[in-house]
Amino acid sequence: MSGAPATRRRIIIAEDDPAIAAMLEKVLAQHYDVSVAHDGRTALALAAKPPLPALLMLDVMMPILDGLGVAAEARKSPVLKGVPIIFLTAKSGAGDVIKGIQSGARHYITKPFKIDDVLAKVKKALGS
């Protein structure tokens, strides 16, 4: 027995681009329990199901409910308000970054991104 925890920390990825979602899922699933949603409303529904997510990784521009809307809903939720958020987006303007950080994001990663940068920011957001 390795002494590893019985359950791995859960990350919810909300990304409407199937190729990016699949790549992030494949890489992060090596270390975490990953759930993928292709719109913000589904991401919130997944986050409401146990176990509580350790991290929300959100695209800003998504159908139904965008990443900023998901972050706003999460911050209002007694259960999700403390869950770290990382935005992963093509919106790279200074105003966009400020809006993302003001909405409660720990990190704001712009596309295209390097997967090593994403992994480093995930580890930092999770304190590991």
Protein backbone atom coordinates (compact mmCIF):
# COMPACT_ATOMS: atom_id res chain seq x y z
CA MET A 1 0.00 0.00 0.00
CA SER A 2 1.45 3.38 -1.03
CA GLY A 3 -0.28 5.51 1.59
CA ALA A 4 -1.98 7.53 -1.15
CA PRO A 5 -5.40 8.97 -0.38
CA ALA A 6 -8.32 6.73 -1.28
CA THR A 7 -9.86 9.41 -3.50
CA ARG A 8 -8.18 11.86 -5.79
CA ARG A 9 -9.08 15.53 -5.84
CA ARG A 10 -11.77 16.40 -8.34
CA ILE A 11 -11.37 18.98 -11.10
CA ILE A 12 -14.23 20.21 -13.24
CA ILE A 13 -13.25 21.43 -16.69
CA ALA A 14 -15.78 23.61 -18.52
CA GLU A 15 -14.60 23.96 -22.12
CA ASP A 16 -16.76 24.08 -25.25
CA ASP A 17 -13.95 23.16 -27.67
CA PRO A 18 -14.01 19.33 -27.74
CA ALA A 19 -10.31 19.01 -28.71
CA ILE A 20 -9.11 21.26 -25.88
CA ALA A 21 -11.47 19.59 -23.39
CA ALA A 22 -10.23 16.12 -24.39
CA MET A 23 -6.56 17.14 -24.16
CA LEU A 24 -7.00 18.74 -20.74
CA GLU A 25 -8.96 15.74 -19.50
CA LYS A 26 -6.32 13.30 -20.71
CA VAL A 27 -3.45 15.19 -19.05
CA LEU A 28 -5.20 16.07 -15.78
CA ALA A 29 -6.81 12.63 -15.35
CA GLN A 30 -3.32 11.23 -14.74
CA HIS A 31 -3.37 12.99 -11.35
CA TYR A 32 -6.96 14.01 -10.62
CA ASP A 33 -10.55 12.85 -10.92
CA VAL A 34 -11.74 14.94 -13.89
CA SER A 35 -15.27 15.81 -14.99
CA VAL A 36 -15.85 17.70 -18.25
CA ALA A 37 -18.72 19.99 -19.19
CA HIS A 38 -19.17 21.77 -22.52
CA ASP A 39 -21.21 24.66 -21.15
CA GLY A 40 -21.37 26.61 -17.93
CA ARG A 41 -24.76 25.38 -16.72
CA THR A 42 -23.61 21.75 -16.93
CA ALA A 43 -20.39 22.65 -15.11
CA LEU A 44 -22.40 24.07 -12.21
CA ALA A 45 -24.59 20.96 -12.13
CA LEU A 46 -21.49 18.75 -11.98
CA ALA A 47 -19.98 20.91 -9.24
CA ALA A 48 -23.11 20.48 -7.12
CA LYS A 49 -22.69 16.69 -7.08
CA PRO A 50 -20.44 15.11 -4.43
CA PRO A 51 -17.58 14.99 -3.98
CA LEU A 52 -16.95 18.73 -3.87
CA PRO A 53 -14.58 19.82 -6.65
CA ALA A 54 -11.12 20.93 -5.60
CA LEU A 55 -10.84 23.20 -8.67
CA LEU A 56 -12.97 24.71 -11.43
CA MET A 57 -11.18 25.25 -14.75
CA LEU A 58 -13.39 27.46 -16.89
CA ASP A 59 -13.35 28.72 -20.44
CA VAL A 60 -14.65 32.29 -20.48
CA MET A 61 -16.60 32.05 -23.74
CA MET A 62 -19.08 29.14 -23.58
CA PRO A 63 -22.69 28.57 -24.55
CA ILE A 64 -25.63 28.75 -22.13
CA LEU A 65 -23.58 30.27 -19.28
CA ASP A 66 -20.09 31.69 -19.79
CA GLY A 67 -17.16 31.18 -17.43
CA LEU A 68 -17.66 34.54 -15.73
CA GLY A 69 -21.26 33.56 -15.02
CA VAL A 70 -20.15 30.22 -13.59
CA ALA A 71 -17.63 32.00 -11.37
CA ALA A 72 -20.30 34.44 -10.16
CA GLU A 73 -22.68 31.57 -9.31
CA ALA A 74 -19.89 29.63 -7.59
CA ARG A 75 -18.96 32.63 -5.46
CA LYS A 76 -22.60 32.98 -4.32
CA SER A 77 -22.81 29.28 -3.39
CA PRO A 78 -22.05 28.44 0.26
CA VAL A 79 -20.62 25.13 -0.93
CA LEU A 80 -18.55 26.34 -3.91
CA LYS A 81 -17.46 29.83 -2.83
CA GLY A 82 -14.05 28.64 -1.62
CA VAL A 83 -13.26 26.44 -4.63
CA PRO A 84 -10.33 27.86 -6.64
CA ILE A 85 -11.02 28.91 -10.22
CA ILE A 86 -8.67 28.98 -13.19
CA PHE A 87 -9.83 30.67 -16.39
CA LEU A 88 -8.53 29.26 -19.65
CA THR A 89 -9.51 31.54 -22.52
CA ALA A 90 -8.73 33.22 -25.81
CA LYS A 91 -9.74 36.56 -24.30
CA SER A 92 -6.35 38.10 -23.63
CA GLY A 93 -7.03 41.83 -23.35
CA ALA A 94 -5.96 43.62 -20.16
CA GLY A 95 -9.62 44.36 -19.35
CA ASP A 96 -10.51 40.70 -19.80
CA VAL A 97 -7.75 39.58 -17.43
CA ILE A 98 -8.81 42.15 -14.82
CA LYS A 99 -12.45 41.06 -15.12
CA GLY A 100 -11.41 37.42 -14.69
CA ILE A 101 -9.32 38.08 -11.61
CA GLN A 102 -12.02 40.32 -10.12
CA SER A 103 -14.53 37.49 -10.59
CA GLY A 104 -12.49 35.37 -8.22
CA ALA A 105 -10.05 33.49 -10.45
CA ARG A 106 -6.72 32.40 -8.99
CA HIS A 107 -5.16 32.24 -12.46
CA TYR A 108 -6.03 33.49 -15.94
CA ILE A 109 -4.41 31.44 -18.70
CA THR A 110 -4.70 32.60 -22.30
CA LYS A 111 -4.96 30.35 -25.35
CA PRO A 112 -2.89 29.06 -26.96
CA PHE A 113 -1.27 27.71 -23.82
CA LYS A 114 1.52 25.34 -22.88
CA ILE A 115 0.27 22.30 -21.00
CA ASP A 116 3.20 22.57 -18.56
CA ASP A 117 1.98 26.06 -17.62
CA VAL A 118 -1.53 24.72 -17.03
CA LEU A 119 -0.23 21.89 -14.84
CA ALA A 120 1.93 24.28 -12.82
CA LYS A 121 -1.00 26.63 -12.22
CA VAL A 122 -3.29 23.73 -11.26
CA LYS A 123 -0.74 22.53 -8.70
CA LYS A 124 -0.31 26.06 -7.37
CA ALA A 125 -4.09 26.62 -7.11
CA LEU A 126 -4.46 23.33 -5.25
CA GLY A 127 -1.51 24.04 -2.98
CA SER A 128 0.38 20.97 -4.07
